[in-house]
């Protein structure tokens, strides 16, 4: 039991190291937090809708499929296009997004799903680092799987909830031009990663 608890603690530390890295999900969380302090929980739910089935598949031994180059290329190309669309949409309608009565055009749940599905490096992480963690988990048997998922998703939820609360509670301290800049930066992050994913996929093809 002590060994399993120590293992789950290591899962939490490694999960947080991934969660804290800026990326499309981070940008979506910041943008959604302007209107809803609890948007981080909904984004995490959207993220979990995609991630939990993947964790189960890796646990069952399908990680070899996700490490294939063709999987990376397809997700990178499609995901890059999705992120470019999301980013330009955010930049283009940044003033509308900030209107209290309207808010973002996509829900936090949708952003959680889209930004997760569009990230090929998220798949690659689960096919490598995540697979190594899950390989260690299998030594404890199937009973550890739900605890593994709870710890990992819990880290995602805690960080996302903290971000959206910080953004929401501090928005009254900012001038409107900084509000516009927040959405502009978040949209810019989306566009950057969209281009980066497309470039990485094309490089892999070449």
N, C-alpha and C. Protein backbone atom coordinates (compact mmCIF):
# COMPACT_ATOMS: atom_id res chain seq x y z
N UNK A 1 0.83 -1.21 0.00
CA UNK A 1 0.00 0.00 0.00
C UNK A 1 0.86 1.26 0.00
N UNK A 2 1.95 1.23 0.82
CA UNK A 2 2.84 2.39 0.88
C UNK A 2 3.51 2.62 -0.47
N UNK A 3 3.93 1.52 -1.11
CA UNK A 3 4.56 1.63 -2.43
C UNK A 3 3.61 2.24 -3.44
N UNK A 4 2.35 1.85 -3.39
CA UNK A 4 1.37 2.38 -4.33
C UNK A 4 1.13 3.86 -4.08
N UNK A 5 1.09 4.26 -2.81
CA UNK A 5 0.89 5.68 -2.48
C UNK A 5 2.08 6.52 -2.97
N UNK A 6 3.27 5.99 -2.82
CA UNK A 6 4.46 6.69 -3.30
C UNK A 6 4.43 6.80 -4.83
N UNK A 7 3.97 5.74 -5.47
CA UNK A 7 3.86 5.76 -6.93
C UNK A 7 2.86 6.82 -7.38
N UNK A 8 1.70 6.89 -6.71
CA UNK A 8 0.68 7.88 -7.07
C UNK A 8 1.19 9.30 -6.81
N UNK A 9 2.04 9.46 -5.80
CA UNK A 9 2.65 10.76 -5.54
C UNK A 9 3.57 11.15 -6.70
N UNK A 10 4.29 10.18 -7.24
CA UNK A 10 5.17 10.45 -8.38
C UNK A 10 4.33 10.78 -9.62
N UNK A 11 3.18 10.15 -9.76
CA UNK A 11 2.26 10.46 -10.86
C UNK A 11 1.81 11.92 -10.78
N UNK A 12 1.51 12.36 -9.55
CA UNK A 12 1.07 13.74 -9.35
C UNK A 12 2.16 14.73 -9.75
N UNK A 13 3.40 14.45 -9.33
CA UNK A 13 4.52 15.36 -9.64
C UNK A 13 4.76 15.42 -11.14
N UNK A 14 4.79 14.27 -11.80
CA UNK A 14 5.04 14.23 -13.24
C UNK A 14 3.87 14.85 -14.00
N UNK A 15 2.66 14.63 -13.54
CA UNK A 15 1.48 15.22 -14.17
C UNK A 15 1.53 16.74 -14.10
N UNK A 16 1.89 17.26 -12.94
CA UNK A 16 1.98 18.71 -12.76
C UNK A 16 3.06 19.32 -13.65
N UNK A 17 4.15 18.60 -13.85
CA UNK A 17 5.22 19.12 -14.70
C UNK A 17 4.73 19.30 -16.13
N UNK A 18 3.79 18.44 -16.55
CA UNK A 18 3.21 18.57 -17.88
C UNK A 18 2.14 19.64 -17.93
N UNK A 19 1.32 19.70 -16.90
CA UNK A 19 0.21 20.65 -16.84
C UNK A 19 0.71 22.10 -16.83
N UNK A 20 1.83 22.35 -16.16
CA UNK A 20 2.34 23.70 -16.01
C UNK A 20 2.95 24.27 -17.28
N UNK A 21 3.19 23.41 -18.28
CA UNK A 21 3.78 23.88 -19.53
C UNK A 21 2.74 24.67 -20.34
N UNK A 22 3.09 25.89 -20.82
CA UNK A 22 2.15 26.66 -21.64
C UNK A 22 1.83 25.93 -22.94
N UNK A 23 0.61 26.06 -23.40
CA UNK A 23 0.20 25.43 -24.65
C UNK A 23 -1.21 25.85 -25.01
N UNK A 24 -1.82 25.21 -25.99
CA UNK A 24 -3.18 25.57 -26.41
C UNK A 24 -4.21 25.46 -25.28
N UNK A 25 -4.10 24.41 -24.47
CA UNK A 25 -5.05 24.23 -23.37
C UNK A 25 -4.90 25.36 -22.36
N UNK A 26 -3.67 25.77 -22.11
CA UNK A 26 -3.39 26.89 -21.20
C UNK A 26 -4.03 28.17 -21.73
N UNK A 27 -3.87 28.42 -23.03
CA UNK A 27 -4.43 29.63 -23.64
C UNK A 27 -5.95 29.64 -23.55
N UNK A 28 -6.56 28.50 -23.83
CA UNK A 28 -8.02 28.41 -23.75
C UNK A 28 -8.50 28.63 -22.32
N UNK A 29 -7.76 28.12 -21.36
CA UNK A 29 -8.12 28.26 -19.95
C UNK A 29 -8.09 29.73 -19.54
N UNK A 30 -7.04 30.44 -19.95
CA UNK A 30 -6.91 31.85 -19.62
C UNK A 30 -8.07 32.66 -20.21
N UNK A 31 -8.39 32.38 -21.48
CA UNK A 31 -9.45 33.14 -22.15
C UNK A 31 -10.81 32.87 -21.52
N UNK A 32 -11.09 31.62 -21.20
CA UNK A 32 -12.38 31.26 -20.60
C UNK A 32 -12.51 31.79 -19.18
N UNK A 33 -11.40 31.92 -18.49
CA UNK A 33 -11.43 32.38 -17.11
C UNK A 33 -11.91 33.80 -16.95
N UNK A 34 -11.83 34.60 -18.00
CA UNK A 34 -12.27 36.00 -17.92
C UNK A 34 -13.74 36.08 -17.54
N UNK A 35 -14.56 35.16 -18.04
CA UNK A 35 -16.00 35.20 -17.79
C UNK A 35 -16.46 34.27 -16.67
N UNK A 36 -15.71 33.21 -16.43
CA UNK A 36 -16.18 32.20 -15.47
C UNK A 36 -15.02 31.69 -14.63
N UNK A 37 -15.04 31.94 -13.31
CA UNK A 37 -13.94 31.48 -12.45
C UNK A 37 -13.84 29.97 -12.38
N UNK A 38 -14.94 29.29 -12.68
CA UNK A 38 -14.92 27.81 -12.63
C UNK A 38 -14.79 27.17 -14.00
N UNK A 39 -14.46 27.97 -15.02
CA UNK A 39 -14.32 27.43 -16.37
C UNK A 39 -13.22 26.37 -16.44
N UNK A 40 -12.22 26.50 -15.57
CA UNK A 40 -11.13 25.52 -15.56
C UNK A 40 -11.62 24.11 -15.31
N UNK A 41 -12.66 23.97 -14.49
CA UNK A 41 -13.21 22.64 -14.22
C UNK A 41 -13.91 22.08 -15.45
N UNK A 42 -14.59 22.95 -16.20
CA UNK A 42 -15.28 22.50 -17.41
C UNK A 42 -14.28 22.16 -18.52
N UNK A 43 -13.21 22.95 -18.59
CA UNK A 43 -12.16 22.65 -19.56
C UNK A 43 -11.52 21.31 -19.23
N UNK A 44 -11.28 21.06 -17.96
CA UNK A 44 -10.69 19.79 -17.54
C UNK A 44 -11.63 18.63 -17.86
N UNK A 45 -12.94 18.85 -17.71
CA UNK A 45 -13.91 17.81 -18.05
C UNK A 45 -13.82 17.47 -19.54
N UNK A 46 -13.73 18.51 -20.38
CA UNK A 46 -13.58 18.28 -21.81
C UNK A 46 -12.28 17.56 -22.12
N UNK A 47 -11.22 17.95 -21.43
CA UNK A 47 -9.92 17.30 -21.57
C UNK A 47 -10.00 15.83 -21.15
N UNK A 48 -10.71 15.58 -20.05
CA UNK A 48 -10.82 14.22 -19.52
C UNK A 48 -11.66 13.32 -20.43
N UNK A 49 -12.65 13.90 -21.11
CA UNK A 49 -13.48 13.11 -22.04
C UNK A 49 -12.60 12.44 -23.10
N UNK A 50 -11.54 13.14 -23.49
CA UNK A 50 -10.61 12.60 -24.48
C UNK A 50 -9.51 11.78 -23.82
N UNK A 51 -9.03 12.26 -22.68
CA UNK A 51 -7.83 11.67 -22.08
C UNK A 51 -8.08 10.34 -21.37
N UNK A 52 -9.19 10.22 -20.67
CA UNK A 52 -9.45 8.99 -19.90
C UNK A 52 -9.50 7.76 -20.81
N UNK A 53 -10.23 7.81 -21.94
CA UNK A 53 -10.20 6.64 -22.83
C UNK A 53 -8.79 6.31 -23.33
N UNK A 54 -7.99 7.36 -23.58
CA UNK A 54 -6.62 7.13 -24.04
C UNK A 54 -5.79 6.45 -22.96
N UNK A 55 -5.95 6.88 -21.71
CA UNK A 55 -5.23 6.25 -20.60
C UNK A 55 -5.59 4.77 -20.51
N UNK A 56 -6.86 4.47 -20.65
CA UNK A 56 -7.31 3.07 -20.59
C UNK A 56 -6.71 2.25 -21.73
N UNK A 57 -6.67 2.84 -22.94
CA UNK A 57 -6.09 2.14 -24.09
C UNK A 57 -4.60 1.87 -23.88
N UNK A 58 -3.89 2.86 -23.35
CA UNK A 58 -2.45 2.67 -23.07
C UNK A 58 -2.27 1.60 -22.01
N UNK A 59 -3.13 1.61 -21.01
CA UNK A 59 -3.07 0.60 -19.93
C UNK A 59 -3.28 -0.80 -20.51
N UNK A 60 -4.11 -0.89 -21.56
CA UNK A 60 -4.40 -2.18 -22.19
C UNK A 60 -3.35 -2.59 -23.22
N UNK A 61 -2.35 -1.70 -23.43
CA UNK A 61 -1.23 -2.07 -24.30
C UNK A 61 -1.26 -1.51 -25.70
N UNK A 62 -2.06 -0.48 -25.94
CA UNK A 62 -2.16 0.09 -27.28
C UNK A 62 -1.20 1.26 -27.50
N UNK A 63 -0.25 1.48 -26.57
CA UNK A 63 0.65 2.63 -26.68
C UNK A 63 1.51 2.58 -27.94
N UNK A 64 1.81 1.37 -28.43
CA UNK A 64 2.65 1.23 -29.63
C UNK A 64 2.00 1.90 -30.84
N UNK A 65 0.68 1.86 -30.89
CA UNK A 65 -0.04 2.48 -32.01
C UNK A 65 0.14 4.00 -31.97
N UNK A 66 0.04 4.58 -30.77
CA UNK A 66 0.09 6.03 -30.64
C UNK A 66 1.49 6.59 -30.88
N UNK A 67 2.51 5.75 -30.83
CA UNK A 67 3.88 6.21 -31.06
C UNK A 67 4.26 6.16 -32.54
N UNK A 68 3.36 5.67 -33.39
CA UNK A 68 3.62 5.58 -34.82
C UNK A 68 3.67 6.98 -35.45
N UNK A 69 4.57 7.16 -36.42
CA UNK A 69 4.73 8.46 -37.05
C UNK A 69 3.47 8.93 -37.76
N UNK A 70 2.75 7.99 -38.39
CA UNK A 70 1.56 8.39 -39.14
C UNK A 70 0.48 8.97 -38.24
N UNK A 71 0.43 8.48 -36.98
CA UNK A 71 -0.53 9.04 -36.01
C UNK A 71 -0.16 10.48 -35.69
N UNK A 72 1.14 10.70 -35.45
CA UNK A 72 1.64 12.04 -35.14
C UNK A 72 1.35 13.00 -36.29
N UNK A 73 1.61 12.54 -37.52
CA UNK A 73 1.43 13.39 -38.70
C UNK A 73 -0.04 13.77 -38.89
N UNK A 74 -0.92 12.79 -38.81
CA UNK A 74 -2.35 13.06 -39.02
C UNK A 74 -2.89 14.02 -37.97
N UNK A 75 -2.59 13.75 -36.70
CA UNK A 75 -3.08 14.62 -35.63
C UNK A 75 -2.45 16.01 -35.74
N UNK A 76 -1.17 16.06 -36.11
CA UNK A 76 -0.50 17.35 -36.25
C UNK A 76 -1.09 18.20 -37.35
N UNK A 77 -1.41 17.59 -38.49
CA UNK A 77 -1.97 18.34 -39.61
C UNK A 77 -3.40 18.80 -39.31
N UNK A 78 -4.22 17.87 -38.87
CA UNK A 78 -5.61 18.23 -38.55
C UNK A 78 -5.67 19.17 -37.34
N UNK A 79 -4.89 18.83 -36.30
CA UNK A 79 -4.87 19.65 -35.09
C UNK A 79 -4.33 21.04 -35.35
N UNK A 80 -3.31 21.15 -36.20
CA UNK A 80 -2.75 22.46 -36.52
C UNK A 80 -3.78 23.35 -37.18
N UNK A 81 -4.56 22.78 -38.09
CA UNK A 81 -5.61 23.55 -38.76
C UNK A 81 -6.68 24.00 -37.76
N UNK A 82 -7.06 23.10 -36.85
CA UNK A 82 -8.07 23.43 -35.83
C UNK A 82 -7.58 24.57 -34.94
N UNK A 83 -6.32 24.50 -34.52
CA UNK A 83 -5.78 25.53 -33.65
C UNK A 83 -5.64 26.87 -34.37
N UNK A 84 -5.28 26.83 -35.65
CA UNK A 84 -5.22 28.07 -36.43
C UNK A 84 -6.59 28.72 -36.50
N UNK A 85 -7.61 27.89 -36.70
CA UNK A 85 -8.99 28.40 -36.75
C UNK A 85 -9.39 28.98 -35.40
N UNK A 86 -9.10 28.26 -34.33
CA UNK A 86 -9.46 28.74 -33.00
C UNK A 86 -8.72 30.03 -32.66
N UNK A 87 -7.43 30.08 -33.01
CA UNK A 87 -6.62 31.25 -32.69
C UNK A 87 -7.06 32.50 -33.43
N UNK A 88 -7.25 32.37 -34.75
CA UNK A 88 -7.67 33.54 -35.52
C UNK A 88 -9.06 33.99 -35.12
N UNK A 89 -9.91 33.04 -34.75
CA UNK A 89 -11.26 33.35 -34.29
C UNK A 89 -11.19 34.16 -33.00
N UNK A 90 -10.28 33.76 -32.12
CA UNK A 90 -10.13 34.47 -30.85
C UNK A 90 -9.58 35.88 -31.07
N UNK A 91 -8.61 36.01 -31.96
CA UNK A 91 -8.02 37.32 -32.25
C UNK A 91 -9.03 38.23 -32.93
N UNK A 92 -9.72 37.68 -33.91
CA UNK A 92 -10.67 38.46 -34.70
C UNK A 92 -11.83 38.99 -33.87
N UNK A 93 -12.32 38.16 -32.95
CA UNK A 93 -13.50 38.54 -32.17
C UNK A 93 -13.16 38.86 -30.70
N UNK A 94 -11.92 39.32 -30.46
CA UNK A 94 -11.48 39.54 -29.08
C UNK A 94 -12.34 40.56 -28.34
N UNK A 95 -12.80 41.59 -29.04
CA UNK A 95 -13.62 42.61 -28.38
C UNK A 95 -15.00 42.05 -28.03
N UNK A 96 -15.53 41.21 -28.92
CA UNK A 96 -16.83 40.58 -28.67
C UNK A 96 -16.73 39.60 -27.52
N UNK A 97 -15.63 38.86 -27.48
CA UNK A 97 -15.42 37.85 -26.43
C UNK A 97 -15.46 38.47 -25.04
N UNK A 98 -14.99 39.71 -24.94
CA UNK A 98 -14.91 40.36 -23.64
C UNK A 98 -16.24 40.95 -23.17
N UNK A 99 -17.25 40.96 -24.02
CA UNK A 99 -18.56 41.48 -23.61
C UNK A 99 -19.20 40.49 -22.65
N UNK A 100 -19.60 40.99 -21.50
CA UNK A 100 -20.13 40.13 -20.44
C UNK A 100 -21.35 39.34 -20.90
N UNK A 101 -22.19 39.97 -21.74
CA UNK A 101 -23.43 39.30 -22.13
C UNK A 101 -23.19 38.23 -23.19
N UNK A 102 -22.01 38.22 -23.81
CA UNK A 102 -21.76 37.26 -24.88
C UNK A 102 -20.77 36.18 -24.46
N UNK A 103 -19.58 36.60 -24.09
CA UNK A 103 -18.57 35.63 -23.69
C UNK A 103 -17.99 34.91 -24.90
N UNK A 104 -17.10 33.94 -24.67
CA UNK A 104 -16.49 33.20 -25.77
C UNK A 104 -17.54 32.47 -26.60
N UNK A 105 -17.26 32.33 -27.90
CA UNK A 105 -18.20 31.67 -28.81
C UNK A 105 -18.27 30.17 -28.54
N UNK A 106 -17.16 29.60 -28.06
CA UNK A 106 -17.14 28.17 -27.72
C UNK A 106 -17.25 28.03 -26.21
N UNK A 107 -17.84 26.92 -25.77
CA UNK A 107 -17.93 26.67 -24.34
C UNK A 107 -16.58 26.18 -23.83
N UNK A 108 -16.40 26.25 -22.52
CA UNK A 108 -15.16 25.76 -21.90
C UNK A 108 -14.99 24.27 -22.15
N UNK A 109 -16.10 23.54 -22.11
CA UNK A 109 -16.06 22.10 -22.37
C UNK A 109 -15.55 21.82 -23.78
N UNK A 110 -16.06 22.56 -24.76
CA UNK A 110 -15.63 22.38 -26.14
C UNK A 110 -14.15 22.71 -26.30
N UNK A 111 -13.70 23.78 -25.66
CA UNK A 111 -12.29 24.15 -25.73
C UNK A 111 -11.41 23.05 -25.15
N UNK A 112 -11.87 22.44 -24.07
CA UNK A 112 -11.11 21.35 -23.46
C UNK A 112 -10.95 20.17 -24.40
N UNK A 113 -12.03 19.85 -25.13
CA UNK A 113 -12.01 18.74 -26.09
C UNK A 113 -11.14 19.08 -27.29
N UNK A 114 -11.37 20.26 -27.89
CA UNK A 114 -10.67 20.63 -29.12
C UNK A 114 -9.17 20.79 -28.93
N UNK A 115 -8.78 21.48 -27.87
CA UNK A 115 -7.35 21.73 -27.67
C UNK A 115 -6.60 20.44 -27.30
N UNK A 116 -7.30 19.50 -26.71
CA UNK A 116 -6.68 18.21 -26.39
C UNK A 116 -6.51 17.36 -27.66
N UNK A 117 -7.58 17.24 -28.43
CA UNK A 117 -7.55 16.44 -29.65
C UNK A 117 -6.57 16.98 -30.69
N UNK A 118 -6.34 18.28 -30.68
CA UNK A 118 -5.52 18.90 -31.72
C UNK A 118 -4.03 18.91 -31.41
N UNK A 119 -3.64 18.34 -30.26
CA UNK A 119 -2.24 18.40 -29.84
C UNK A 119 -1.54 17.05 -30.05
N UNK A 120 -0.71 16.91 -31.11
CA UNK A 120 -0.05 15.62 -31.35
C UNK A 120 0.97 15.27 -30.27
N UNK A 121 1.54 16.30 -29.62
CA UNK A 121 2.53 16.04 -28.58
C UNK A 121 1.90 15.50 -27.32
N UNK A 122 0.61 15.75 -27.14
CA UNK A 122 -0.11 15.16 -26.02
C UNK A 122 -0.20 13.64 -26.23
N UNK A 123 -0.52 13.23 -27.48
CA UNK A 123 -0.55 11.80 -27.80
C UNK A 123 0.83 11.19 -27.61
N UNK A 124 1.86 11.90 -28.10
CA UNK A 124 3.23 11.40 -28.00
C UNK A 124 3.66 11.27 -26.54
N UNK A 125 3.21 12.20 -25.69
CA UNK A 125 3.55 12.14 -24.26
C UNK A 125 3.00 10.86 -23.65
N UNK A 126 1.74 10.53 -24.01
CA UNK A 126 1.13 9.31 -23.45
C UNK A 126 1.74 8.04 -24.04
N UNK A 127 2.31 8.15 -25.24
CA UNK A 127 2.94 6.99 -25.86
C UNK A 127 4.35 6.75 -25.32
N UNK A 128 4.89 7.74 -24.60
CA UNK A 128 6.27 7.62 -24.08
C UNK A 128 6.29 7.75 -22.55
N UNK A 129 6.27 8.99 -22.07
CA UNK A 129 6.32 9.23 -20.61
C UNK A 129 5.11 8.61 -19.93
N UNK A 130 3.93 8.88 -20.49
CA UNK A 130 2.71 8.33 -19.89
C UNK A 130 2.69 6.81 -19.90
N UNK A 131 3.18 6.23 -21.00
CA UNK A 131 3.21 4.77 -21.11
C UNK A 131 4.15 4.16 -20.07
N UNK A 132 5.26 4.86 -19.81
CA UNK A 132 6.21 4.37 -18.79
C UNK A 132 5.56 4.40 -17.41
N UNK A 133 4.81 5.46 -17.14
CA UNK A 133 4.10 5.54 -15.86
C UNK A 133 3.08 4.42 -15.73
N UNK A 134 2.33 4.21 -16.81
CA UNK A 134 1.28 3.19 -16.78
C UNK A 134 1.89 1.79 -16.69
N UNK A 135 3.05 1.59 -17.31
CA UNK A 135 3.74 0.30 -17.21
C UNK A 135 4.07 0.00 -15.76
N UNK A 136 4.47 1.03 -15.02
CA UNK A 136 4.74 0.86 -13.59
C UNK A 136 3.45 0.59 -12.83
N UNK A 137 2.37 1.22 -13.29
CA UNK A 137 1.08 1.06 -12.61
C UNK A 137 0.56 -0.37 -12.73
N UNK A 138 0.86 -1.02 -13.86
CA UNK A 138 0.33 -2.37 -14.08
C UNK A 138 0.83 -3.38 -13.04
N UNK A 139 1.97 -3.07 -12.42
CA UNK A 139 2.50 -3.99 -11.41
C UNK A 139 1.60 -4.06 -10.17
N UNK A 140 0.75 -3.05 -10.00
CA UNK A 140 -0.17 -3.03 -8.86
C UNK A 140 -1.54 -3.63 -9.23
N UNK A 141 -1.70 -3.99 -10.49
CA UNK A 141 -2.95 -4.59 -10.92
C UNK A 141 -3.97 -3.56 -11.38
N UNK A 142 -5.10 -4.03 -11.82
CA UNK A 142 -6.15 -3.17 -12.37
C UNK A 142 -6.71 -2.20 -11.33
N UNK A 143 -6.58 -2.53 -10.06
CA UNK A 143 -7.15 -1.70 -9.00
C UNK A 143 -6.54 -0.30 -8.97
N UNK A 144 -5.29 -0.17 -9.46
CA UNK A 144 -4.62 1.13 -9.40
C UNK A 144 -5.11 2.08 -10.49
N UNK A 145 -5.72 1.55 -11.56
CA UNK A 145 -6.11 2.38 -12.71
C UNK A 145 -7.03 3.55 -12.34
N UNK A 146 -8.13 3.32 -11.61
CA UNK A 146 -8.98 4.47 -11.26
C UNK A 146 -8.27 5.51 -10.41
N UNK A 147 -7.39 5.07 -9.51
CA UNK A 147 -6.63 6.01 -8.68
C UNK A 147 -5.64 6.81 -9.54
N UNK A 148 -5.03 6.13 -10.49
CA UNK A 148 -4.11 6.78 -11.43
C UNK A 148 -4.83 7.89 -12.18
N UNK A 149 -6.02 7.57 -12.69
CA UNK A 149 -6.81 8.56 -13.45
C UNK A 149 -7.23 9.72 -12.56
N UNK A 150 -7.67 9.42 -11.35
CA UNK A 150 -8.13 10.48 -10.42
C UNK A 150 -6.99 11.43 -10.09
N UNK A 151 -5.81 10.89 -9.82
CA UNK A 151 -4.66 11.73 -9.47
C UNK A 151 -4.27 12.61 -10.66
N UNK A 152 -4.18 12.01 -11.84
CA UNK A 152 -3.74 12.76 -13.01
C UNK A 152 -4.75 13.85 -13.39
N UNK A 153 -6.02 13.48 -13.48
CA UNK A 153 -7.05 14.46 -13.84
C UNK A 153 -7.20 15.50 -12.73
N UNK A 154 -7.02 15.07 -11.48
CA UNK A 154 -7.10 15.99 -10.35
C UNK A 154 -6.05 17.10 -10.45
N UNK A 155 -4.85 16.75 -10.89
CA UNK A 155 -3.80 17.76 -11.08
C UNK A 155 -4.20 18.74 -12.17
N UNK A 156 -4.74 18.21 -13.27
CA UNK A 156 -5.22 19.08 -14.35
C UNK A 156 -6.31 20.03 -13.85
N UNK A 157 -7.27 19.48 -13.12
CA UNK A 157 -8.40 20.28 -12.64
C UNK A 157 -7.95 21.36 -11.66
N UNK A 158 -7.06 21.01 -10.75
CA UNK A 158 -6.59 21.97 -9.76
C UNK A 158 -5.88 23.15 -10.39
N UNK A 159 -4.99 22.87 -11.35
CA UNK A 159 -4.25 23.94 -12.00
C UNK A 159 -5.16 24.80 -12.87
N UNK A 160 -6.06 24.18 -13.63
CA UNK A 160 -6.97 24.93 -14.51
C UNK A 160 -7.92 25.80 -13.70
N UNK A 161 -8.42 25.24 -12.59
CA UNK A 161 -9.34 26.01 -11.73
C UNK A 161 -8.61 27.21 -11.11
N UNK A 162 -7.36 27.01 -10.71
CA UNK A 162 -6.57 28.11 -10.14
C UNK A 162 -6.36 29.21 -11.17
N UNK A 163 -6.03 28.84 -12.41
CA UNK A 163 -5.81 29.82 -13.46
C UNK A 163 -7.07 30.65 -13.74
N UNK A 164 -8.20 29.97 -13.92
CA UNK A 164 -9.43 30.70 -14.26
C UNK A 164 -9.87 31.59 -13.10
N UNK A 165 -9.64 31.16 -11.89
CA UNK A 165 -9.98 31.99 -10.74
C UNK A 165 -9.09 33.23 -10.65
N UNK A 166 -7.80 33.05 -10.91
CA UNK A 166 -6.87 34.19 -10.87
C UNK A 166 -7.23 35.22 -11.93
N UNK A 167 -7.53 34.75 -13.14
CA UNK A 167 -7.89 35.65 -14.23
C UNK A 167 -9.19 36.36 -13.91
N UNK A 168 -10.19 35.63 -13.44
CA UNK A 168 -11.51 36.21 -13.19
C UNK A 168 -11.50 37.20 -12.03
N UNK A 169 -10.80 36.85 -10.97
CA UNK A 169 -10.82 37.72 -9.78
C UNK A 169 -9.96 38.96 -9.95
N UNK A 170 -9.00 38.93 -10.89
CA UNK A 170 -8.12 40.07 -11.07
C UNK A 170 -8.52 40.97 -12.23
N UNK A 171 -9.56 40.59 -12.98
CA UNK A 171 -9.91 41.35 -14.18
C UNK A 171 -10.35 42.78 -13.86
N UNK A 172 -10.91 43.00 -12.67
CA UNK A 172 -11.34 44.33 -12.30
C UNK A 172 -10.19 45.28 -12.04
N UNK A 173 -8.98 44.75 -11.92
CA UNK A 173 -7.80 45.56 -11.66
C UNK A 173 -7.14 46.04 -12.94
N UNK A 174 -7.59 45.53 -14.08
CA UNK A 174 -6.93 45.83 -15.35
C UNK A 174 -7.70 46.87 -16.14
N UNK A 175 -6.97 47.61 -16.95
CA UNK A 175 -7.57 48.51 -17.92
C UNK A 175 -8.09 47.66 -19.10
N UNK A 176 -9.09 48.16 -19.82
CA UNK A 176 -9.71 47.40 -20.91
C UNK A 176 -8.69 46.98 -21.97
N UNK A 177 -7.66 47.82 -22.19
CA UNK A 177 -6.68 47.46 -23.23
C UNK A 177 -5.90 46.21 -22.83
N UNK A 178 -5.74 45.99 -21.51
CA UNK A 178 -5.06 44.78 -21.05
C UNK A 178 -5.96 43.56 -21.21
N UNK A 179 -7.27 43.78 -21.12
CA UNK A 179 -8.21 42.69 -21.36
C UNK A 179 -8.12 42.25 -22.83
N UNK A 180 -8.06 43.25 -23.72
CA UNK A 180 -7.91 42.93 -25.14
C UNK A 180 -6.58 42.21 -25.38
N UNK A 181 -5.54 42.66 -24.70
CA UNK A 181 -4.22 42.05 -24.87
C UNK A 181 -4.22 40.60 -24.40
N UNK A 182 -4.95 40.31 -23.32
CA UNK A 182 -5.04 38.94 -22.82
C UNK A 182 -5.59 38.00 -23.89
N UNK A 183 -6.71 38.39 -24.50
CA UNK A 183 -7.32 37.56 -25.53
C UNK A 183 -6.42 37.49 -26.76
N UNK A 184 -5.77 38.61 -27.09
CA UNK A 184 -4.86 38.64 -28.24
C UNK A 184 -3.70 37.67 -28.04
N UNK A 185 -3.13 37.67 -26.83
CA UNK A 185 -2.02 36.77 -26.52
C UNK A 185 -2.48 35.31 -26.56
N UNK A 186 -3.65 35.04 -25.98
CA UNK A 186 -4.18 33.67 -25.98
C UNK A 186 -4.42 33.19 -27.41
N UNK A 187 -4.99 34.07 -28.24
CA UNK A 187 -5.19 33.72 -29.64
C UNK A 187 -3.87 33.51 -30.35
N UNK A 188 -2.89 34.35 -30.02
CA UNK A 188 -1.56 34.22 -30.61
C UNK A 188 -0.90 32.90 -30.25
N UNK A 189 -1.10 32.45 -29.01
CA UNK A 189 -0.56 31.15 -28.58
C UNK A 189 -1.18 30.03 -29.40
N UNK A 190 -2.49 30.12 -29.63
CA UNK A 190 -3.19 29.12 -30.44
C UNK A 190 -2.60 29.07 -31.85
N UNK A 191 -2.44 30.24 -32.46
CA UNK A 191 -1.90 30.32 -33.82
C UNK A 191 -0.48 29.78 -33.87
N UNK A 192 0.33 30.15 -32.88
CA UNK A 192 1.72 29.68 -32.83
C UNK A 192 1.79 28.16 -32.80
N UNK A 193 1.02 27.55 -31.90
CA UNK A 193 1.06 26.10 -31.79
C UNK A 193 0.43 25.43 -33.02
N UNK A 194 -0.57 26.08 -33.61
CA UNK A 194 -1.15 25.54 -34.83
C UNK A 194 -0.11 25.46 -35.94
N UNK A 195 0.64 26.55 -36.12
CA UNK A 195 1.70 26.57 -37.13
C UNK A 195 2.81 25.58 -36.78
N UNK A 196 3.14 25.52 -35.49
CA UNK A 196 4.21 24.61 -35.06
C UNK A 196 3.84 23.16 -35.29
N UNK A 197 2.60 22.79 -34.99
CA UNK A 197 2.15 21.41 -35.21
C UNK A 197 2.13 21.06 -36.70
N UNK A 198 1.70 22.01 -37.52
CA UNK A 198 1.71 21.79 -38.97
C UNK A 198 3.14 21.62 -39.48
N UNK A 199 4.02 22.49 -39.04
CA UNK A 199 5.43 22.42 -39.46
C UNK A 199 6.07 21.11 -39.01
N UNK A 200 5.84 20.71 -37.77
CA UNK A 200 6.42 19.47 -37.24
C UNK A 200 5.92 18.26 -38.03
N UNK A 201 4.64 18.26 -38.37
CA UNK A 201 4.06 17.15 -39.13
C UNK A 201 4.64 17.07 -40.54
N UNK A 202 4.77 18.24 -41.18
CA UNK A 202 5.33 18.27 -42.53
C UNK A 202 6.79 17.86 -42.52
N UNK A 203 7.53 18.26 -41.47
CA UNK A 203 8.93 17.86 -41.35
C UNK A 203 9.03 16.35 -41.20
N UNK A 204 8.12 15.76 -40.46
CA UNK A 204 8.11 14.32 -40.27
C UNK A 204 7.83 13.60 -41.59
N UNK A 205 6.92 14.17 -42.39
CA UNK A 205 6.61 13.59 -43.69
C UNK A 205 7.82 13.64 -44.62
N UNK A 206 8.52 14.78 -44.60
CA UNK A 206 9.70 14.93 -45.46
C UNK A 206 10.82 14.00 -45.02
